[in-house]
Amino acid sequence: MQQQPQQGSQPQAYTEPPQMLTTKDSLYLNDMLAWNLNAMKKCHFAAAHCQDTEIKAELDKCGQMHQRHYQQLLAHLNTTNQNQNMM
């Protein structure tokens, strides 16, 4: 069976973030923060209980990456929040 092209327009790609977040956007961002925080904690826990120095170093690196992502998300949200308060 061949798929026929869908009628209608393609979703529009944004070149910059929208001025206001929807509830769905907010919930997804909350999930992303939770996932990164959880991954960071798991990496820290595993590194603390690991005896192999190479694996411990990789777990620490992975935890730091998740911490950076968490902080980047917070920074974007704080910037967005400050911009909205100025309007």
N, C-alpha and C. Protein backbone atom coordinates (compact mmCIF):
# COMPACT_ATOMS: atom_id res chain seq x y z
N MET A 1 0.85 -1.17 0.00
CA MET A 1 0.00 0.00 0.00
C MET A 1 0.90 1.24 0.00
N GLN A 2 0.65 2.14 -0.90
CA GLN A 2 1.43 3.37 -0.96
C GLN A 2 0.82 4.44 -0.07
N GLN A 3 1.72 5.16 0.56
CA GLN A 3 1.23 6.26 1.37
C GLN A 3 1.04 7.48 0.49
N GLN A 4 -0.09 8.12 0.68
CA GLN A 4 -0.36 9.33 -0.08
C GLN A 4 0.08 10.53 0.74
N PRO A 5 0.56 11.55 0.06
CA PRO A 5 0.97 12.74 0.81
C PRO A 5 -0.21 13.32 1.57
N GLN A 6 0.08 13.78 2.76
CA GLN A 6 -0.99 14.36 3.58
C GLN A 6 -1.35 15.74 3.06
N GLN A 7 -2.62 16.02 3.11
CA GLN A 7 -3.10 17.33 2.70
C GLN A 7 -2.88 18.31 3.85
N GLY A 8 -2.67 19.54 3.53
CA GLY A 8 -2.50 20.55 4.56
C GLY A 8 -1.07 21.07 4.58
N SER A 9 -0.84 21.95 5.50
CA SER A 9 0.47 22.58 5.54
C SER A 9 1.38 21.87 6.54
N GLN A 10 2.67 21.99 6.30
CA GLN A 10 3.67 21.44 7.20
C GLN A 10 3.76 22.35 8.42
N PRO A 11 4.15 21.79 9.59
CA PRO A 11 4.33 22.66 10.76
C PRO A 11 5.44 23.68 10.48
N GLN A 12 5.23 24.87 10.93
CA GLN A 12 6.17 25.95 10.65
C GLN A 12 7.35 25.86 11.62
N ALA A 13 8.56 25.93 11.12
CA ALA A 13 9.76 25.92 11.95
C ALA A 13 10.00 27.33 12.48
N TYR A 14 10.29 27.44 13.76
CA TYR A 14 10.54 28.74 14.38
C TYR A 14 12.02 29.09 14.28
N THR A 15 12.30 30.34 13.97
CA THR A 15 13.69 30.80 13.95
C THR A 15 14.11 31.34 15.31
N GLU A 16 13.14 31.64 16.15
CA GLU A 16 13.40 32.08 17.52
C GLU A 16 12.27 31.58 18.40
N PRO A 17 12.51 31.48 19.72
CA PRO A 17 11.46 30.94 20.59
C PRO A 17 10.22 31.82 20.60
N PRO A 18 9.06 31.21 20.80
CA PRO A 18 7.83 32.01 20.87
C PRO A 18 7.83 32.89 22.13
N GLN A 19 7.04 33.94 22.11
CA GLN A 19 6.97 34.86 23.24
C GLN A 19 6.34 34.22 24.48
N MET A 20 5.46 33.25 24.24
CA MET A 20 4.76 32.64 25.36
C MET A 20 4.80 31.12 25.21
N LEU A 21 4.99 30.41 26.32
CA LEU A 21 5.00 28.95 26.30
C LEU A 21 3.60 28.41 26.56
N THR A 22 3.27 27.35 25.85
CA THR A 22 1.99 26.70 26.12
C THR A 22 2.14 25.79 27.33
N THR A 23 1.05 25.29 27.83
CA THR A 23 1.09 24.35 28.94
C THR A 23 1.86 23.10 28.54
N LYS A 24 1.65 22.64 27.33
CA LYS A 24 2.36 21.45 26.83
C LYS A 24 3.86 21.70 26.80
N ASP A 25 4.27 22.89 26.32
CA ASP A 25 5.70 23.25 26.31
C ASP A 25 6.27 23.24 27.73
N SER A 26 5.53 23.84 28.63
CA SER A 26 5.98 23.93 30.02
C SER A 26 6.14 22.55 30.65
N LEU A 27 5.19 21.67 30.39
CA LEU A 27 5.27 20.31 30.93
C LEU A 27 6.46 19.55 30.34
N TYR A 28 6.70 19.74 29.05
CA TYR A 28 7.84 19.06 28.41
C TYR A 28 9.16 19.58 28.97
N LEU A 29 9.27 20.89 29.16
CA LEU A 29 10.49 21.45 29.75
C LEU A 29 10.70 20.94 31.17
N ASN A 30 9.62 20.82 31.91
CA ASN A 30 9.70 20.27 33.27
C ASN A 30 10.21 18.82 33.23
N ASP A 31 9.71 18.05 32.27
CA ASP A 31 10.19 16.67 32.11
C ASP A 31 11.67 16.64 31.76
N MET A 32 12.09 17.53 30.85
CA MET A 32 13.50 17.57 30.45
C MET A 32 14.40 17.90 31.64
N LEU A 33 13.97 18.83 32.47
CA LEU A 33 14.74 19.16 33.67
C LEU A 33 14.82 17.96 34.60
N ALA A 34 13.70 17.28 34.78
CA ALA A 34 13.67 16.11 35.67
C ALA A 34 14.55 14.98 35.13
N TRP A 35 14.51 14.74 33.82
CA TRP A 35 15.34 13.68 33.22
C TRP A 35 16.82 13.97 33.41
N ASN A 36 17.23 15.21 33.17
CA ASN A 36 18.64 15.56 33.32
C ASN A 36 19.08 15.52 34.78
N LEU A 37 18.24 15.97 35.68
CA LEU A 37 18.57 15.91 37.10
C LEU A 37 18.70 14.47 37.56
N ASN A 38 17.78 13.62 37.15
CA ASN A 38 17.81 12.21 37.52
C ASN A 38 19.04 11.51 36.96
N ALA A 39 19.36 11.78 35.69
CA ALA A 39 20.54 11.18 35.06
C ALA A 39 21.81 11.64 35.76
N MET A 40 21.86 12.91 36.12
CA MET A 40 23.02 13.45 36.83
C MET A 40 23.20 12.74 38.18
N LYS A 41 22.11 12.57 38.91
CA LYS A 41 22.17 11.90 40.22
C LYS A 41 22.60 10.44 40.08
N LYS A 42 22.07 9.77 39.06
CA LYS A 42 22.43 8.36 38.84
C LYS A 42 23.91 8.21 38.50
N CYS A 43 24.41 9.11 37.66
CA CYS A 43 25.84 9.06 37.31
C CYS A 43 26.71 9.32 38.53
N HIS A 44 26.32 10.30 39.34
CA HIS A 44 27.08 10.60 40.56
C HIS A 44 27.08 9.41 41.51
N PHE A 45 25.94 8.79 41.69
CA PHE A 45 25.84 7.63 42.56
C PHE A 45 26.70 6.48 42.05
N ALA A 46 26.60 6.20 40.75
CA ALA A 46 27.37 5.09 40.17
C ALA A 46 28.87 5.37 40.25
N ALA A 47 29.27 6.62 40.01
CA ALA A 47 30.69 6.97 40.08
C ALA A 47 31.21 6.82 41.51
N ALA A 48 30.38 7.17 42.49
CA ALA A 48 30.79 7.07 43.90
C ALA A 48 30.98 5.62 44.32
N HIS A 49 30.30 4.69 43.66
CA HIS A 49 30.38 3.28 44.03
C HIS A 49 31.22 2.45 43.08
N CYS A 50 31.88 3.12 42.14
CA CYS A 50 32.68 2.42 41.14
C CYS A 50 34.14 2.36 41.59
N GLN A 51 34.78 1.22 41.36
CA GLN A 51 36.17 1.07 41.76
C GLN A 51 37.13 1.20 40.58
N ASP A 52 36.65 1.01 39.38
CA ASP A 52 37.47 1.16 38.17
C ASP A 52 37.61 2.65 37.86
N THR A 53 38.83 3.16 37.87
CA THR A 53 39.05 4.61 37.72
C THR A 53 38.63 5.13 36.35
N GLU A 54 38.81 4.33 35.30
CA GLU A 54 38.41 4.78 33.96
C GLU A 54 36.89 4.90 33.86
N ILE A 55 36.18 3.91 34.38
CA ILE A 55 34.71 3.95 34.34
C ILE A 55 34.20 5.07 35.22
N LYS A 56 34.83 5.25 36.39
CA LYS A 56 34.44 6.32 37.30
C LYS A 56 34.60 7.68 36.61
N ALA A 57 35.70 7.87 35.87
CA ALA A 57 35.93 9.13 35.16
C ALA A 57 34.87 9.37 34.09
N GLU A 58 34.50 8.31 33.38
CA GLU A 58 33.46 8.45 32.35
C GLU A 58 32.10 8.76 32.96
N LEU A 59 31.80 8.13 34.09
CA LEU A 59 30.53 8.41 34.78
C LEU A 59 30.50 9.85 35.28
N ASP A 60 31.62 10.33 35.80
CA ASP A 60 31.70 11.73 36.24
C ASP A 60 31.49 12.68 35.06
N LYS A 61 32.11 12.36 33.93
CA LYS A 61 31.97 13.18 32.72
C LYS A 61 30.52 13.20 32.25
N CYS A 62 29.89 12.06 32.29
CA CYS A 62 28.48 11.95 31.88
C CYS A 62 27.58 12.76 32.82
N GLY A 63 27.85 12.67 34.12
CA GLY A 63 27.07 13.43 35.09
C GLY A 63 27.24 14.93 34.90
N GLN A 64 28.47 15.36 34.58
CA GLN A 64 28.73 16.78 34.33
C GLN A 64 27.99 17.27 33.08
N MET A 65 27.91 16.40 32.07
CA MET A 65 27.19 16.75 30.85
C MET A 65 25.71 16.99 31.18
N HIS A 66 25.10 16.10 31.96
CA HIS A 66 23.69 16.26 32.32
C HIS A 66 23.49 17.50 33.19
N GLN A 67 24.46 17.79 34.04
CA GLN A 67 24.37 18.99 34.87
C GLN A 67 24.42 20.25 34.00
N ARG A 68 25.31 20.26 32.99
CA ARG A 68 25.38 21.39 32.06
C ARG A 68 24.06 21.57 31.32
N HIS A 69 23.47 20.46 30.85
CA HIS A 69 22.19 20.56 30.13
C HIS A 69 21.10 21.11 31.05
N TYR A 70 21.08 20.65 32.29
CA TYR A 70 20.11 21.13 33.28
C TYR A 70 20.27 22.64 33.48
N GLN A 71 21.52 23.07 33.66
CA GLN A 71 21.78 24.50 33.89
C GLN A 71 21.48 25.34 32.66
N GLN A 72 21.73 24.80 31.46
CA GLN A 72 21.40 25.53 30.24
C GLN A 72 19.89 25.72 30.10
N LEU A 73 19.13 24.68 30.41
CA LEU A 73 17.68 24.80 30.36
C LEU A 73 17.19 25.86 31.35
N LEU A 74 17.73 25.83 32.56
CA LEU A 74 17.33 26.82 33.57
C LEU A 74 17.69 28.23 33.11
N ALA A 75 18.87 28.38 32.53
CA ALA A 75 19.29 29.70 32.07
C ALA A 75 18.35 30.22 30.98
N HIS A 76 17.97 29.36 30.04
CA HIS A 76 17.03 29.76 28.99
C HIS A 76 15.68 30.14 29.58
N LEU A 77 15.22 29.35 30.53
CA LEU A 77 13.92 29.65 31.15
C LEU A 77 13.98 30.94 31.95
N ASN A 78 15.07 31.18 32.67
CA ASN A 78 15.20 32.41 33.44
C ASN A 78 15.28 33.62 32.53
N THR A 79 15.98 33.50 31.41
CA THR A 79 16.07 34.60 30.45
C THR A 79 14.70 34.90 29.86
N THR A 80 13.98 33.85 29.50
CA THR A 80 12.63 34.01 28.96
C THR A 80 11.72 34.65 29.99
N ASN A 81 11.82 34.21 31.24
CA ASN A 81 10.98 34.74 32.31
C ASN A 81 11.29 36.21 32.57
N GLN A 82 12.57 36.57 32.56
CA GLN A 82 12.95 37.98 32.77
C GLN A 82 12.45 38.85 31.63
N ASN A 83 12.54 38.34 30.40
CA ASN A 83 12.07 39.11 29.24
C ASN A 83 10.57 39.33 29.32
N GLN A 84 9.83 38.34 29.80
CA GLN A 84 8.37 38.48 29.89
C GLN A 84 8.00 39.46 31.00
N ASN A 85 8.78 39.49 32.08
CA ASN A 85 8.50 40.43 33.17
C ASN A 85 8.74 41.87 32.75
N MET A 86 9.62 42.10 31.77
CA MET A 86 9.91 43.45 31.32
C MET A 86 8.81 44.00 30.43
N MET A 87 8.02 43.13 29.83
CA MET A 87 6.96 43.57 28.90
C MET A 87 5.78 44.10 29.63
